Each structure stands twice: as C-alpha cells, then as structure tokens.
Amino acid sequence: MEKLFIICVDDQRDVLHSVARDVQTFSDWAIIEECESAAEAADLLEDLATSGKAVALIICDHIMPGTNGVDFLTELATDNRFPHLKKILLTGQATQKDTIEAINNARIDYYLEKPWDTEKLQREVRALLSAYLFDTGLFTMEYRSLVDPRLLMTRLQGRE
C-alpha cells in the first residue's frame, strides 16, 4: 500500500503542529508533512510530483507572509500535476471576498475556521482522503478502515 501525503501549511509553528497532531490519526495511511510557508509547500510539492508520490490533501492557512493561502491554493487548482488534490482552507481572518475567491478560484473542498473542532477536521480529512482514493483509482481494500463508510457504500454501488 502506497502511503498518501497530507501537507499542512501555516506560518505559525504552534498552529502548524496542532493541525499536524490532529491529522496524525491518519498516519497509518498517510505521511504528514509540515510547511511554514506557501513557498516551502511549493518546493515540497515539486519534489513529491517529481518522485511520483500521491499528494492527496493540503490543509492551508490563509493569512501568511509572502503568498497567502487563497493565492497558493488557486495556483494549485490550475496545476495539471495535481488534478485530484483535495484542499482545506483553515483560517480565522478571511473576509467574505477571500472566501468567495477561495471557493470559486482555488476550488477548495472545505473551509474551516480557527479555532477548529478536531473531530470535524478529522471527519472532513477522512472524507476527502476517501474521495481522493476513489477519484484517482488508488482505492484498494488495504484502505478500507480509512475510507468513510458512507462514501464507500455510495461509490461501490455506483451512485456517485
């Protein structure tokens, strides 16, 4: 079983570690990487793409020095190397304009406000990793304990 990659991006180290800790529950199926900027995440994505690794999910803060989260996720939405990449925008300071841009241009899959509820984050990560596995054709029974049971039934019955 090939492990998926989850990339967490936040310029505040304590927040970054908290997000990574909250998704650590998926470490049997995924390698969790931490990046403190969009530039660092872009470099990591370049390395992973070159190596042919399965980058399934990115959880990204919005307000960061340099490239902000919405702009970074918008760039990723147009990058043909990651057509199935799932994206969560995690922020406490987005304006309505930022939110609309994130949905329309960055094509985020989920928007989560800080401070976040750990169970909600984990539920959404599970759902997005499940969707990624099916969208990419990587689902095997080795992942069955990871996959969201409702999505599994829906996909196996061919209703989605």
Protein backbone atom coordinates (compact mmCIF):
# COMPACT_ATOMS: atom_id res chain seq x y z
CA MET A 1 0.00 0.00 0.00
CA GLU A 2 1.40 3.35 -1.03
CA LYS A 3 1.07 5.99 1.64
CA LEU A 4 -0.67 9.20 0.66
CA PHE A 5 0.70 12.62 1.55
CA ILE A 6 -1.05 15.25 3.64
CA ILE A 7 0.63 18.66 3.64
CA CYS A 8 -0.15 21.14 6.42
CA VAL A 9 0.80 24.78 5.79
CA ASP A 10 0.75 27.54 8.40
CA ASP A 11 3.28 30.24 9.24
CA GLN A 12 2.58 29.96 12.97
CA ARG A 13 4.56 26.99 14.18
CA ASP A 14 2.29 26.17 17.13
CA VAL A 15 -0.80 26.17 14.90
CA LEU A 16 1.03 24.09 12.30
CA HIS A 17 1.99 21.49 14.91
CA SER A 18 -1.59 21.42 16.21
CA VAL A 19 -3.03 20.74 12.76
CA ALA A 20 -0.44 18.03 12.12
CA ARG A 21 -1.15 16.47 15.50
CA ASP A 22 -4.89 16.44 14.80
CA VAL A 23 -4.41 14.60 11.49
CA GLN A 24 -1.83 12.22 12.93
CA THR A 25 -4.68 9.74 13.37
CA PHE A 26 -4.29 9.06 9.61
CA SER A 27 -0.59 8.19 9.84
CA ASP A 28 -1.21 4.52 9.03
CA TRP A 29 -2.26 5.62 5.54
CA ALA A 30 -0.57 8.98 5.08
CA ILE A 31 2.68 10.80 5.62
CA ILE A 32 2.01 14.16 7.24
CA GLU A 33 4.35 16.96 6.17
CA GLU A 34 4.57 20.40 7.80
CA CYS A 35 5.44 23.58 5.90
CA GLU A 36 5.71 27.08 7.33
CA SER A 37 5.03 28.93 4.06
CA ALA A 38 3.47 28.55 0.64
CA ALA A 39 6.97 28.66 -0.87
CA GLU A 40 8.12 25.76 1.31
CA ALA A 41 4.97 23.80 0.40
CA ALA A 42 5.51 24.53 -3.30
CA ASP A 43 9.06 23.14 -3.08
CA LEU A 44 7.79 20.03 -1.31
CA LEU A 45 5.04 19.54 -3.89
CA GLU A 46 7.62 19.85 -6.66
CA ASP A 47 9.76 17.14 -5.04
CA LEU A 48 6.77 14.85 -4.46
CA ALA A 49 5.48 15.32 -8.01
CA THR A 50 8.92 14.55 -9.44
CA SER A 51 9.01 11.38 -7.32
CA GLY A 52 5.52 10.34 -8.42
CA LYS A 53 4.13 10.44 -4.89
CA ALA A 54 0.39 10.62 -4.20
CA VAL A 55 -0.32 14.05 -2.72
CA ALA A 56 -3.89 13.67 -1.53
CA LEU A 57 -4.62 16.67 0.69
CA ILE A 58 -3.33 20.09 1.60
CA ILE A 59 -4.55 21.95 4.68
CA CYS A 60 -3.54 25.58 4.31
CA ASP A 61 -3.81 28.72 6.38
CA HIS A 62 -4.93 31.85 4.55
CA ILE A 63 -3.08 34.77 6.16
CA MET A 64 0.65 34.14 5.71
CA PRO A 65 3.63 36.30 4.73
CA GLY A 66 4.51 36.11 1.06
CA THR A 67 1.93 34.16 -0.88
CA ASN A 68 -1.35 33.89 1.03
CA GLY A 69 -3.29 30.65 1.26
CA VAL A 70 -6.01 31.52 -1.25
CA ASP A 71 -3.48 32.58 -3.89
CA PHE A 72 -1.41 29.45 -3.27
CA LEU A 73 -4.43 27.13 -3.47
CA THR A 74 -5.57 28.94 -6.62
CA GLU A 75 -2.18 28.20 -8.22
CA LEU A 76 -2.55 24.55 -7.23
CA ALA A 77 -6.06 24.40 -8.70
CA THR A 78 -4.56 25.13 -12.12
CA ASP A 79 -1.55 22.83 -11.76
CA ASN A 80 -2.17 19.81 -14.02
CA ARG A 81 0.13 17.64 -11.89
CA PHE A 82 -2.43 17.64 -9.06
CA PRO A 83 -5.88 17.28 -10.66
CA HIS A 84 -7.34 15.35 -7.72
CA LEU A 85 -5.62 17.19 -4.87
CA LYS A 86 -8.09 17.95 -2.09
CA LYS A 87 -7.83 21.33 -0.40
CA ILE A 88 -8.89 22.65 3.00
CA LEU A 89 -8.58 26.36 3.79
CA LEU A 90 -8.08 26.88 7.51
CA THR A 91 -8.35 30.46 8.66
CA GLY A 92 -9.65 32.80 11.28
CA GLN A 93 -9.33 36.03 9.34
CA ALA A 94 -10.77 35.61 5.86
CA THR A 95 -13.11 38.24 4.52
CA GLN A 96 -16.21 37.38 2.53
CA LYS A 97 -14.28 38.32 -0.63
CA ASP A 98 -11.46 35.93 0.35
CA THR A 99 -13.94 33.15 0.98
CA ILE A 100 -15.67 33.63 -2.37
CA GLU A 101 -12.30 33.68 -4.14
CA ALA A 102 -11.23 30.51 -2.34
CA ILE A 103 -14.37 28.68 -3.43
CA ASN A 104 -14.52 30.00 -6.99
CA ASN A 105 -10.84 30.19 -7.95
CA ALA A 106 -8.96 27.87 -5.61
CA ARG A 107 -11.74 25.29 -5.76
CA ILE A 108 -11.29 24.41 -2.11
CA ASP A 109 -13.08 21.32 -0.87
CA TYR A 110 -13.65 22.53 2.65
CA TYR A 111 -13.42 25.79 4.60
CA LEU A 112 -12.68 25.56 8.31
CA GLU A 113 -12.43 28.44 10.74
CA LYS A 114 -9.88 28.76 13.52
CA PRO A 115 -10.13 27.63 16.19
CA TRP A 116 -11.29 24.39 14.65
CA ASP A 117 -13.04 21.41 16.15
CA THR A 118 -10.66 18.43 15.99
CA GLU A 119 -13.42 15.89 15.32
CA LYS A 120 -14.82 18.00 12.49
CA LEU A 121 -11.36 18.36 10.95
CA GLN A 122 -10.75 14.62 11.20
CA ARG A 123 -14.16 13.83 9.73
CA GLU A 124 -13.50 16.08 6.73
CA VAL A 125 -9.97 14.76 6.26
CA ARG A 126 -11.33 11.20 6.22
CA ALA A 127 -14.00 12.16 3.67
CA LEU A 128 -11.52 13.98 1.43
CA LEU A 129 -8.91 11.21 1.58
CA SER A 130 -11.67 8.75 0.72
CA ALA A 131 -12.77 10.82 -2.26
CA TYR A 132 -9.15 11.14 -3.39
CA LEU A 133 -8.67 7.36 -3.32
CA PHE A 134 -11.75 6.79 -5.45
CA ASP A 135 -11.12 9.74 -7.79
CA THR A 136 -7.60 8.51 -8.55
CA GLY A 137 -8.41 4.82 -8.72
CA LEU A 138 -5.99 4.14 -5.84
CA PHE A 139 -8.61 2.59 -3.56
CA THR A 140 -7.79 -0.96 -2.50
CA MET A 141 -9.15 -2.96 0.40
CA GLU A 142 -6.00 -2.05 2.34
CA TYR A 143 -7.55 1.40 2.75
CA ARG A 144 -11.00 0.16 3.85
CA SER A 145 -10.53 1.15 7.51
CA LEU A 146 -9.59 4.67 6.41
CA VAL A 147 -12.42 5.25 3.97
CA ASP A 148 -15.60 6.98 5.06
CA PRO A 149 -18.17 4.14 5.19
CA ARG A 150 -20.96 6.21 3.61
CA LEU A 151 -18.77 7.19 0.68
CA LEU A 152 -17.55 3.62 0.32
CA MET A 153 -21.11 2.31 0.00
CA THR A 154 -22.08 5.08 -2.40
CA ARG A 155 -19.05 4.52 -4.62
CA LEU A 156 -19.31 0.73 -4.60
CA GLN A 157 -22.98 0.98 -5.58
CA GLY A 158 -22.02 3.36 -8.40
CA ARG A 159 -24.28 6.17 -7.23
CA GLU A 160 -21.63 8.89 -7.41
